[in-house]
Amino acid sequence: MKAPSFWTRRVEIVRRYKRFAGIRMPVSLESVAHILVAGKATFKVTYDYESVNGQRFGTPVARVQQTEVGIK
């Protein structure tokens, strides 16, 4: 398998889905890139839905989360 670029050695992506009102919707995404000089870099996203096709599923709340700046 060929590396994505000279600097990026390997990228792993995990996507998770869940059914809401009969529709598959993304609920999270996590990406880990192995970078030549810097090491490992991680990116995470979580999706919260208030409604899908007019059906309520929850009340998303704004979250304050500690963010790491830089690459491990």
C-alpha atoms as a PDB file:
ATOM      1  CA  MET A   1       0.000   0.000   0.000  1.00  0.00           C
ATOM      2  CA  LYS A   2       1.347   3.430  -0.960  1.00  0.00           C
ATOM      3  CA  ALA A   3       1.741   6.134   1.717  1.00  0.00           C
ATOM      4  CA  PRO A   4      -0.606   9.169   1.312  1.00  0.00           C
ATOM      5  CA  SER A   5       2.380  11.536   1.060  1.00  0.00           C
ATOM      6  CA  PHE A   6       6.081  11.778   1.858  1.00  0.00           C
ATOM      7  CA  TRP A   7       5.373  13.272   5.323  1.00  0.00           C
ATOM      8  CA  THR A   8       2.325  11.180   6.214  1.00  0.00           C
ATOM      9  CA  ARG A   9       3.126   7.514   6.636  1.00  0.00           C
ATOM     10  CA  ARG A  10      -0.267   6.083   7.528  1.00  0.00           C
ATOM     11  CA  VAL A  11      -3.791   7.416   8.144  1.00  0.00           C
ATOM     12  CA  GLU A  12      -6.473   5.472  10.019  1.00  0.00           C
ATOM     13  CA  ILE A  13     -10.092   6.681   9.838  1.00  0.00           C
ATOM     14  CA  VAL A  14     -12.975   5.278  11.889  1.00  0.00           C
ATOM     15  CA  ARG A  15     -16.538   6.440  11.159  1.00  0.00           C
ATOM     16  CA  ARG A  16     -19.538   5.427  13.267  1.00  0.00           C
ATOM     17  CA  TYR A  17     -23.164   5.653  12.159  1.00  0.00           C
ATOM     18  CA  LYS A  18     -26.557   5.267  13.869  1.00  0.00           C
ATOM     19  CA  ARG A  19     -30.118   5.129  12.520  1.00  0.00           C
ATOM     20  CA  PHE A  20     -32.381   8.092  13.247  1.00  0.00           C
ATOM     21  CA  ALA A  21     -35.904   8.014  11.790  1.00  0.00           C
ATOM     22  CA  GLY A  22     -34.812   5.245   9.427  1.00  0.00           C
ATOM     23  CA  ILE A  23     -31.835   7.218   8.096  1.00  0.00           C
ATOM     24  CA  ARG A  24     -28.206   6.314   8.762  1.00  0.00           C
ATOM     25  CA  MET A  25     -26.471   9.392  10.122  1.00  0.00           C
ATOM     26  CA  PRO A  26     -22.848   9.846  11.219  1.00  0.00           C
ATOM     27  CA  VAL A  27     -22.372  10.077  14.998  1.00  0.00           C
ATOM     28  CA  SER A  28     -18.575  10.209  15.213  1.00  0.00           C
ATOM     29  CA  LEU A  29     -15.366  10.308  13.216  1.00  0.00           C
ATOM     30  CA  GLU A  30     -11.832   9.701  14.420  1.00  0.00           C
ATOM     31  CA  SER A  31      -8.705  10.102  12.325  1.00  0.00           C
ATOM     32  CA  VAL A  32      -5.155   9.201  13.357  1.00  0.00           C
ATOM     33  CA  ALA A  33      -2.259  10.207  11.100  1.00  0.00           C
ATOM     34  CA  HIS A  34       1.298   9.003  11.592  1.00  0.00           C
ATOM     35  CA  ILE A  35       3.546  11.870  10.491  1.00  0.00           C
ATOM     36  CA  LEU A  36       7.242  11.377   9.669  1.00  0.00           C
ATOM     37  CA  VAL A  37       8.824  14.105  11.839  1.00  0.00           C
ATOM     38  CA  ALA A  38       6.059  14.982  14.332  1.00  0.00           C
ATOM     39  CA  GLY A  39       4.692  11.563  15.308  1.00  0.00           C
ATOM     40  CA  LYS A  40       0.994  10.836  15.789  1.00  0.00           C
ATOM     41  CA  ALA A  41      -1.781  13.409  15.194  1.00  0.00           C
ATOM     42  CA  THR A  42      -5.411  12.707  16.192  1.00  0.00           C
ATOM     43  CA  PHE A  43      -8.640  14.417  15.094  1.00  0.00           C
ATOM     44  CA  LYS A  44     -12.047  13.575  16.648  1.00  0.00           C
ATOM     45  CA  VAL A  45     -15.560  14.786  15.779  1.00  0.00           C
ATOM     46  CA  THR A  46     -18.852  13.923  17.515  1.00  0.00           C
ATOM     47  CA  TYR A  47     -22.214  14.795  15.962  1.00  0.00           C
ATOM     48  CA  ASP A  48     -25.315  15.566  18.062  1.00  0.00           C
ATOM     49  CA  TYR A  49     -28.718  15.855  16.391  1.00  0.00           C
ATOM     50  CA  GLU A  50     -31.714  17.748  17.711  1.00  0.00           C
ATOM     51  CA  SER A  51     -34.070  16.451  15.011  1.00  0.00           C
ATOM     52  CA  VAL A  52     -33.994  14.412  11.808  1.00  0.00           C
ATOM     53  CA  ASN A  53     -36.783  14.797   9.236  1.00  0.00           C
ATOM     54  CA  GLY A  54     -38.881  16.643  11.812  1.00  0.00           C
ATOM     55  CA  GLN A  55     -38.540  13.981  14.545  1.00  0.00           C
ATOM     56  CA  ARG A  56     -36.879  15.149  17.766  1.00  0.00           C
ATOM     57  CA  PHE A  57     -34.086  12.968  19.115  1.00  0.00           C
ATOM     58  CA  GLY A  58     -32.496  15.072  21.784  1.00  0.00           C
ATOM     59  CA  THR A  59     -31.459  18.488  22.862  1.00  0.00           C
ATOM     60  CA  PRO A  60     -27.816  19.060  21.936  1.00  0.00           C
ATOM     61  CA  VAL A  61     -25.977  21.172  24.472  1.00  0.00           C
ATOM     62  CA  ALA A  62     -22.951  23.305  23.722  1.00  0.00           C
ATOM     63  CA  ARG A  63     -19.984  21.590  25.305  1.00  0.00           C
ATOM     64  CA  VAL A  64     -16.742  23.124  26.371  1.00  0.00           C
ATOM     65  CA  GLN A  65     -13.990  20.634  25.877  1.00  0.00           C
ATOM     66  CA  GLN A  66     -10.282  20.916  26.508  1.00  0.00           C
ATOM     67  CA  THR A  67      -8.481  21.007  23.186  1.00  0.00           C
ATOM     68  CA  GLU A  68      -4.936  19.889  22.721  1.00  0.00           C
ATOM     69  CA  VAL A  69      -2.900  22.238  20.610  1.00  0.00           C
ATOM     70  CA  GLY A  70       0.041  20.689  18.865  1.00  0.00           C
ATOM     71  CA  ILE A  71       0.978  17.202  17.826  1.00  0.00           C
ATOM     72  CA  LYS A  72       1.850  14.368  20.179  1.00  0.00           C
END
